[in-house]
Amino acid sequence: MARAGSKAFQALPTPVQLVLLAAALLAGMVGCSAAWVDQQSYVPAPNICRAHETWRTDCVQVQRPAPPVQQAEVVR
């Protein structure tokens, strides 16, 4: 498959090859720039401890509320 694409690319005139190469390079630069700009506003999530890691001091202890207990209906 890659050979067929390579042969098709090589069959194009040199100016067209250069335009396609420049377009691919530009698309890559735009993608990397967008990812870099998006990364600037990244806020890392706090390091949350797992339930069994209560002894750790390098993470945030989360107190999860207990789920409400539902009372069973009495059928009469």
PDB file of N, CA and C in Angstrom:
ATOM      1  N   MET A   1       0.829  -1.192   0.000  1.00  0.00           N
ATOM      2  CA  MET A   1       0.000   0.000   0.000  1.00  0.00           C
ATOM      3  C   MET A   1       0.870   1.252   0.000  1.00  0.00           C
ATOM      4  N   ALA A   2       1.920   1.251   0.815  1.00  0.00           N
ATOM      5  CA  ALA A   2       2.790   2.422   0.867  1.00  0.00           C
ATOM      6  C   ALA A   2       3.538   2.608  -0.446  1.00  0.00           C
ATOM      7  N   ARG A   3       3.885   1.504  -1.084  1.00  0.00           N
ATOM      8  CA  ARG A   3       4.580   1.614  -2.365  1.00  0.00           C
ATOM      9  C   ARG A   3       3.689   2.240  -3.417  1.00  0.00           C
ATOM     10  N   ALA A   4       2.412   1.868  -3.413  1.00  0.00           N
ATOM     11  CA  ALA A   4       1.493   2.433  -4.407  1.00  0.00           C
ATOM     12  C   ALA A   4       1.369   3.936  -4.209  1.00  0.00           C
ATOM     13  N   GLY A   5       1.283   4.374  -2.964  1.00  0.00           N
ATOM     14  CA  GLY A   5       1.216   5.805  -2.688  1.00  0.00           C
ATOM     15  C   GLY A   5       2.499   6.506  -3.074  1.00  0.00           C
ATOM     16  N   SER A   6       3.627   5.855  -2.824  1.00  0.00           N
ATOM     17  CA  SER A   6       4.919   6.436  -3.173  1.00  0.00           C
ATOM     18  C   SER A   6       5.068   6.558  -4.684  1.00  0.00           C
ATOM     19  N   LYS A   7       4.642   5.525  -5.402  1.00  0.00           N
ATOM     20  CA  LYS A   7       4.727   5.570  -6.870  1.00  0.00           C
ATOM     21  C   LYS A   7       3.808   6.642  -7.426  1.00  0.00           C
ATOM     22  N   ALA A   8       2.620   6.776  -6.834  1.00  0.00           N
ATOM     23  CA  ALA A   8       1.690   7.808  -7.298  1.00  0.00           C
ATOM     24  C   ALA A   8       2.255   9.197  -7.015  1.00  0.00           C
ATOM     25  N   PHE A   9       2.888   9.360  -5.859  1.00  0.00           N
ATOM     26  CA  PHE A   9       3.485  10.652  -5.516  1.00  0.00           C
ATOM     27  C   PHE A   9       4.639  10.975  -6.457  1.00  0.00           C
ATOM     28  N   GLN A  10       5.467   9.986  -6.744  1.00  0.00           N
ATOM     29  CA  GLN A  10       6.608  10.203  -7.633  1.00  0.00           C
ATOM     30  C   GLN A  10       6.170  10.457  -9.064  1.00  0.00           C
ATOM     31  N   ALA A  11       4.979  10.003  -9.435  1.00  0.00           N
ATOM     32  CA  ALA A  11       4.485  10.221 -10.789  1.00  0.00           C
ATOM     33  C   ALA A  11       4.031  11.663 -10.989  1.00  0.00           C
ATOM     34  N   LEU A  12       3.800  12.383  -9.900  1.00  0.00           N
ATOM     35  CA  LEU A  12       3.373  13.780 -10.008  1.00  0.00           C
ATOM     36  C   LEU A  12       4.543  14.654 -10.437  1.00  0.00           C
ATOM     37  N   PRO A  13       4.247  15.780 -11.081  1.00  0.00           N
ATOM     38  CA  PRO A  13       5.320  16.711 -11.437  1.00  0.00           C
ATOM     39  C   PRO A  13       5.971  17.274 -10.165  1.00  0.00           C
ATOM     40  N   THR A  14       7.227  17.646 -10.255  1.00  0.00           N
ATOM     41  CA  THR A  14       7.991  18.138  -9.107  1.00  0.00           C
ATOM     42  C   THR A  14       7.335  19.334  -8.418  1.00  0.00           C
ATOM     43  N   PRO A  15       6.807  20.333  -9.147  1.00  0.00           N
ATOM     44  CA  PRO A  15       6.152  21.447  -8.435  1.00  0.00           C
ATOM     45  C   PRO A  15       4.945  20.990  -7.605  1.00  0.00           C
ATOM     46  N   VAL A  16       4.201  20.021  -8.109  1.00  0.00           N
ATOM     47  CA  VAL A  16       3.043  19.510  -7.359  1.00  0.00           C
ATOM     48  C   VAL A  16       3.527  18.757  -6.117  1.00  0.00           C
ATOM     49  N   GLN A  17       4.610  17.997  -6.257  1.00  0.00           N
ATOM     50  CA  GLN A  17       5.181  17.295  -5.102  1.00  0.00           C
ATOM     51  C   GLN A  17       5.590  18.290  -4.018  1.00  0.00           C
ATOM     52  N   LEU A  18       6.214  19.380  -4.431  1.00  0.00           N
ATOM     53  CA  LEU A  18       6.652  20.393  -3.468  1.00  0.00           C
ATOM     54  C   LEU A  18       5.467  21.052  -2.769  1.00  0.00           C
ATOM     55  N   VAL A  19       4.405  21.323  -3.520  1.00  0.00           N
ATOM     56  CA  VAL A  19       3.212  21.926  -2.918  1.00  0.00           C
ATOM     57  C   VAL A  19       2.591  20.961  -1.907  1.00  0.00           C
ATOM     58  N   LEU A  20       2.480  19.684  -2.262  1.00  0.00           N
ATOM     59  CA  LEU A  20       1.908  18.698  -1.340  1.00  0.00           C
ATOM     60  C   LEU A  20       2.789  18.518  -0.099  1.00  0.00           C
ATOM     61  N   LEU A  21       4.097  18.515  -0.302  1.00  0.00           N
ATOM     62  CA  LEU A  21       5.013  18.398   0.832  1.00  0.00           C
ATOM     63  C   LEU A  21       4.902  19.608   1.756  1.00  0.00           C
ATOM     64  N   ALA A  22       4.820  20.799   1.164  1.00  0.00           N
ATOM     65  CA  ALA A  22       4.672  22.019   1.967  1.00  0.00           C
ATOM     66  C   ALA A  22       3.336  22.022   2.707  1.00  0.00           C
ATOM     67  N   ALA A  23       2.268  21.542   2.050  1.00  0.00           N
ATOM     68  CA  ALA A  23       0.951  21.491   2.700  1.00  0.00           C
ATOM     69  C   ALA A  23       0.970  20.510   3.873  1.00  0.00           C
ATOM     70  N   ALA A  24       1.619  19.361   3.695  1.00  0.00           N
ATOM     71  CA  ALA A  24       1.710  18.385   4.786  1.00  0.00           C
ATOM     72  C   ALA A  24       2.526  18.949   5.947  1.00  0.00           C
ATOM     73  N   LEU A  25       3.608  19.633   5.633  1.00  0.00           N
ATOM     74  CA  LEU A  25       4.435  20.254   6.671  1.00  0.00           C
ATOM     75  C   LEU A  25       3.659  21.336   7.415  1.00  0.00           C
ATOM     76  N   LEU A  26       2.913  22.143   6.673  1.00  0.00           N
ATOM     77  CA  LEU A  26       2.108  23.196   7.289  1.00  0.00           C
ATOM     78  C   LEU A  26       1.018  22.605   8.182  1.00  0.00           C
ATOM     79  N   ALA A  27       0.371  21.536   7.717  1.00  0.00           N
ATOM     80  CA  ALA A  27      -0.669  20.889   8.527  1.00  0.00           C
ATOM     81  C   ALA A  27      -0.074  20.343   9.829  1.00  0.00           C
ATOM     82  N   GLY A  28       1.113  19.766   9.747  1.00  0.00           N
ATOM     83  CA  GLY A  28       1.775  19.268  10.952  1.00  0.00           C
ATOM     84  C   GLY A  28       2.129  20.384  11.917  1.00  0.00           C
ATOM     85  N   MET A  29       2.599  21.499  11.374  1.00  0.00           N
ATOM     86  CA  MET A  29       2.949  22.641  12.226  1.00  0.00           C
ATOM     87  C   MET A  29       1.712  23.225  12.900  1.00  0.00           C
ATOM     88  N   VAL A  30       0.614  23.310  12.161  1.00  0.00           N
ATOM     89  CA  VAL A  30      -0.630  23.832  12.741  1.00  0.00           C
ATOM     90  C   VAL A  30      -1.117  22.905  13.850  1.00  0.00           C
ATOM     91  N   GLY A  31      -1.065  21.598  13.614  1.00  0.00           N
ATOM     92  CA  GLY A  31      -1.497  20.644  14.633  1.00  0.00           C
ATOM     93  C   GLY A  31      -0.662  20.729  15.896  1.00  0.00           C
ATOM     94  N   CYS A  32       0.642  20.819  15.734  1.00  0.00           N
ATOM     95  CA  CYS A  32       1.527  20.926  16.907  1.00  0.00           C
ATOM     96  C   CYS A  32       1.321  22.248  17.640  1.00  0.00           C
ATOM     97  N   SER A  33       1.130  23.317  16.886  1.00  0.00           N
ATOM     98  CA  SER A  33       0.905  24.624  17.517  1.00  0.00           C
ATOM     99  C   SER A  33      -0.404  24.635  18.296  1.00  0.00           C
ATOM    100  N   ALA A  34      -1.443  24.035  17.730  1.00  0.00           N
ATOM    101  CA  ALA A  34      -2.734  23.980  18.424  1.00  0.00           C
ATOM    102  C   ALA A  34      -2.613  23.167  19.708  1.00  0.00           C
ATOM    103  N   ALA A  35      -1.895  22.054  19.657  1.00  0.00           N
ATOM    104  CA  ALA A  35      -1.707  21.240  20.859  1.00  0.00           C
ATOM    105  C   ALA A  35      -0.903  21.997  21.907  1.00  0.00           C
ATOM    106  N   TRP A  36       0.097  22.749  21.482  1.00  0.00           N
ATOM    107  CA  TRP A  36       0.922  23.513  22.412  1.00  0.00           C
ATOM    108  C   TRP A  36       0.108  24.618  23.078  1.00  0.00           C
ATOM    109  N   VAL A  37      -0.704  25.335  22.288  1.00  0.00           N
ATOM    110  CA  VAL A  37      -1.528  26.411  22.842  1.00  0.00           C
ATOM    111  C   VAL A  37      -2.556  25.837  23.803  1.00  0.00           C
ATOM    112  N   ASP A  38      -3.151  24.700  23.455  1.00  0.00           N
ATOM    113  CA  ASP A  38      -4.142  24.074  24.320  1.00  0.00           C
ATOM    114  C   ASP A  38      -3.498  23.624  25.630  1.00  0.00           C
ATOM    115  N   GLN A  39      -2.261  23.190  25.586  1.00  0.00           N
ATOM    116  CA  GLN A  39      -1.558  22.715  26.782  1.00  0.00           C
ATOM    117  C   GLN A  39      -1.270  23.845  27.757  1.00  0.00           C
ATOM    118  N   GLN A  40      -1.251  25.078  27.302  1.00  0.00           N
ATOM    119  CA  GLN A  40      -0.919  26.214  28.165  1.00  0.00           C
ATOM    120  C   GLN A  40      -1.942  26.402  29.282  1.00  0.00           C
ATOM    121  N   SER A  41      -3.198  26.010  29.053  1.00  0.00           N
ATOM    122  CA  SER A  41      -4.241  26.198  30.063  1.00  0.00           C
ATOM    123  C   SER A  41      -4.493  24.919  30.865  1.00  0.00           C
ATOM    124  N   TYR A  42      -3.610  23.961  30.772  1.00  0.00           N
ATOM    125  CA  TYR A  42      -3.783  22.687  31.462  1.00  0.00           C
ATOM    126  C   TYR A  42      -3.602  22.870  32.963  1.00  0.00           C
ATOM    127  N   VAL A  43      -4.555  22.388  33.719  1.00  0.00           N
ATOM    128  CA  VAL A  43      -4.463  22.403  35.181  1.00  0.00           C
ATOM    129  C   VAL A  43      -4.481  20.947  35.632  1.00  0.00           C
ATOM    130  N   PRO A  44      -3.411  20.476  36.239  1.00  0.00           N
ATOM    131  CA  PRO A  44      -3.385  19.074  36.637  1.00  0.00           C
ATOM    132  C   PRO A  44      -4.420  18.781  37.718  1.00  0.00           C
ATOM    133  N   ALA A  45      -4.976  17.606  37.644  1.00  0.00           N
ATOM    134  CA  ALA A  45      -5.940  17.176  38.651  1.00  0.00           C
ATOM    135  C   ALA A  45      -5.189  16.878  39.947  1.00  0.00           C
ATOM    136  N   PRO A  46      -5.838  17.079  41.081  1.00  0.00           N
ATOM    137  CA  PRO A  46      -5.159  16.757  42.342  1.00  0.00           C
ATOM    138  C   PRO A  46      -4.895  15.258  42.436  1.00  0.00           C
ATOM    139  N   ASN A  47      -3.854  14.924  43.126  1.00  0.00           N
ATOM    140  CA  ASN A  47      -3.505  13.529  43.329  1.00  0.00           C
ATOM    141  C   ASN A  47      -4.425  12.985  44.415  1.00  0.00           C
ATOM    142  N   ILE A  48      -5.462  12.279  44.017  1.00  0.00           N
ATOM    143  CA  ILE A  48      -6.470  11.795  44.959  1.00  0.00           C
ATOM    144  C   ILE A  48      -6.098  10.391  45.418  1.00  0.00           C
ATOM    145  N   CYS A  49      -6.135  10.189  46.731  1.00  0.00           N
ATOM    146  CA  CYS A  49      -5.808   8.885  47.305  1.00  0.00           C
ATOM    147  C   CYS A  49      -6.926   7.890  47.016  1.00  0.00           C
ATOM    148  N   ARG A  50      -6.542   6.652  46.938  1.00  0.00           N
ATOM    149  CA  ARG A  50      -7.537   5.586  46.837  1.00  0.00           C
ATOM    150  C   ARG A  50      -8.064   5.304  48.243  1.00  0.00           C
ATOM    151  N   ALA A  51      -9.159   4.579  48.315  1.00  0.00           N
ATOM    152  CA  ALA A  51      -9.808   4.336  49.607  1.00  0.00           C
ATOM    153  C   ALA A  51      -8.882   3.621  50.586  1.00  0.00           C
ATOM    154  N   HIS A  52      -8.027   2.741  50.106  1.00  0.00           N
ATOM    155  CA  HIS A  52      -7.147   1.982  51.002  1.00  0.00           C
ATOM    156  C   HIS A  52      -5.832   2.706  51.293  1.00  0.00           C
ATOM    157  N   GLU A  53      -5.646   3.915  50.785  1.00  0.00           N
ATOM    158  CA  GLU A  53      -4.395   4.650  50.974  1.00  0.00           C
ATOM    159  C   GLU A  53      -4.551   5.806  51.968  1.00  0.00           C
ATOM    160  N   THR A  54      -5.239   5.573  53.042  1.00  0.00           N
ATOM    161  CA  THR A  54      -5.494   6.639  54.009  1.00  0.00           C
ATOM    162  C   THR A  54      -4.229   7.066  54.738  1.00  0.00           C
ATOM    163  N   TRP A  55      -3.199   6.263  54.753  1.00  0.00           N
ATOM    164  CA  TRP A  55      -1.945   6.570  55.439  1.00  0.00           C
ATOM    165  C   TRP A  55      -1.071   7.537  54.649  1.00  0.00           C
ATOM    166  N   ARG A  56      -1.345   7.721  53.362  1.00  0.00           N
ATOM    167  CA  ARG A  56      -0.483   8.560  52.523  1.00  0.00           C
ATOM    168  C   ARG A  56      -0.687  10.039  52.825  1.00  0.00           C
ATOM    169  N   THR A  57       0.398  10.799  52.741  1.00  0.00           N
ATOM    170  CA  THR A  57       0.321  12.246  52.966  1.00  0.00           C
ATOM    171  C   THR A  57       0.569  13.044  51.695  1.00  0.00           C
ATOM    172  N   ASP A  58       0.926  12.365  50.608  1.00  0.00           N
ATOM    173  CA  ASP A  58       1.231  13.073  49.370  1.00  0.00           C
ATOM    174  C   ASP A  58       0.048  13.116  48.411  1.00  0.00           C
ATOM    175  N   CYS A  59      -1.137  12.842  48.926  1.00  0.00           N
ATOM    176  CA  CYS A  59      -2.317  12.896  48.070  1.00  0.00           C
ATOM    177  C   CYS A  59      -3.490  13.490  48.855  1.00  0.00           C
ATOM    178  N   VAL A  60      -4.533  13.837  48.132  1.00  0.00           N
ATOM    179  CA  VAL A  60      -5.703  14.470  48.731  1.00  0.00           C
ATOM    180  C   VAL A  60      -6.661  13.387  49.205  1.00  0.00           C
ATOM    181  N   GLN A  61      -7.021  13.478  50.476  1.00  0.00           N
ATOM    182  CA  GLN A  61      -7.991  12.531  51.024  1.00  0.00           C
ATOM    183  C   GLN A  61      -9.396  13.037  50.709  1.00  0.00           C
ATOM    184  N   VAL A  62     -10.183  12.230  50.060  1.00  0.00           N
ATOM    185  CA  VAL A  62     -11.541  12.618  49.678  1.00  0.00           C
ATOM    186  C   VAL A  62     -12.519  11.903  50.594  1.00  0.00           C
ATOM    187  N   GLN A  63     -13.379  12.685  51.213  1.00  0.00           N
ATOM    188  CA  GLN A  63     -14.424  12.110  52.055  1.00  0.00           C
ATOM    189  C   GLN A  63     -15.685  11.985  51.215  1.00  0.00           C
ATOM    190  N   ARG A  64     -15.971  10.791  50.787  1.00  0.00           N
ATOM    191  CA  ARG A  64     -17.163  10.571  49.969  1.00  0.00           C
ATOM    192  C   ARG A  64     -18.357  10.348  50.891  1.00  0.00           C
ATOM    193  N   PRO A  65     -19.453  11.023  50.598  1.00  0.00           N
ATOM    194  CA  PRO A  65     -20.640  10.808  51.440  1.00  0.00           C
ATOM    195  C   PRO A  65     -21.192   9.403  51.222  1.00  0.00           C
ATOM    196  N   ALA A  66     -21.700   8.844  52.293  1.00  0.00           N
ATOM    197  CA  ALA A  66     -22.296   7.515  52.188  1.00  0.00           C
ATOM    198  C   ALA A  66     -23.591   7.623  51.397  1.00  0.00           C
ATOM    199  N   PRO A  67     -23.863   6.650  50.553  1.00  0.00           N
ATOM    200  CA  PRO A  67     -25.110   6.710  49.791  1.00  0.00           C
ATOM    201  C   PRO A  67     -26.304   6.607  50.734  1.00  0.00           C
ATOM    202  N   PRO A  68     -27.378   7.321  50.419  1.00  0.00           N
ATOM    203  CA  PRO A  68     -28.551   7.263  51.302  1.00  0.00           C
ATOM    204  C   PRO A  68     -29.139   5.858  51.329  1.00  0.00           C
ATOM    205  N   VAL A  69     -29.530   5.460  52.512  1.00  0.00           N
ATOM    206  CA  VAL A  69     -30.119   4.133  52.676  1.00  0.00           C
ATOM    207  C   VAL A  69     -31.603   4.236  52.365  1.00  0.00           C
ATOM    208  N   GLN A  70     -32.034   3.435  51.428  1.00  0.00           N
ATOM    209  CA  GLN A  70     -33.455   3.447  51.075  1.00  0.00           C
ATOM    210  C   GLN A  70     -34.175   2.402  51.913  1.00  0.00           C
ATOM    211  N   GLN A  71     -35.287   2.832  52.448  1.00  0.00           N
ATOM    212  CA  GLN A  71     -36.062   1.905  53.258  1.00  0.00           C
ATOM    213  C   GLN A  71     -36.946   1.072  52.342  1.00  0.00           C
ATOM    214  N   ALA A  72     -37.028  -0.191  52.657  1.00  0.00           N
ATOM    215  CA  ALA A  72     -37.852  -1.096  51.853  1.00  0.00           C
ATOM    216  C   ALA A  72     -39.321  -0.821  52.125  1.00  0.00           C
ATOM    217  N   GLU A  73     -40.106  -0.953  51.077  1.00  0.00           N
ATOM    218  CA  GLU A  73     -41.553  -0.759  51.247  1.00  0.00           C
ATOM    219  C   GLU A  73     -42.143  -1.958  51.970  1.00  0.00           C
ATOM    220  N   VAL A  74     -43.066  -1.665  52.832  1.00  0.00           N
ATOM    221  CA  VAL A  74     -43.751  -2.729  53.553  1.00  0.00           C
ATOM    222  C   VAL A  74     -45.008  -3.069  52.771  1.00  0.00           C
ATOM    223  N   VAL A  75     -45.101  -4.308  52.348  1.00  0.00           N
ATOM    224  CA  VAL A  75     -46.274  -4.751  51.588  1.00  0.00           C
ATOM    225  C   VAL A  75     -47.283  -5.306  52.577  1.00  0.00           C
ATOM    226  N   ARG A  76     -48.506  -4.775  52.523  1.00  0.00           N
ATOM    227  CA  ARG A  76     -49.535  -5.214  53.480  1.00  0.00           C
ATOM    228  C   ARG A  76     -50.587  -6.013  52.802  1.00  0.00           C
TER     229      ARG A  76
END
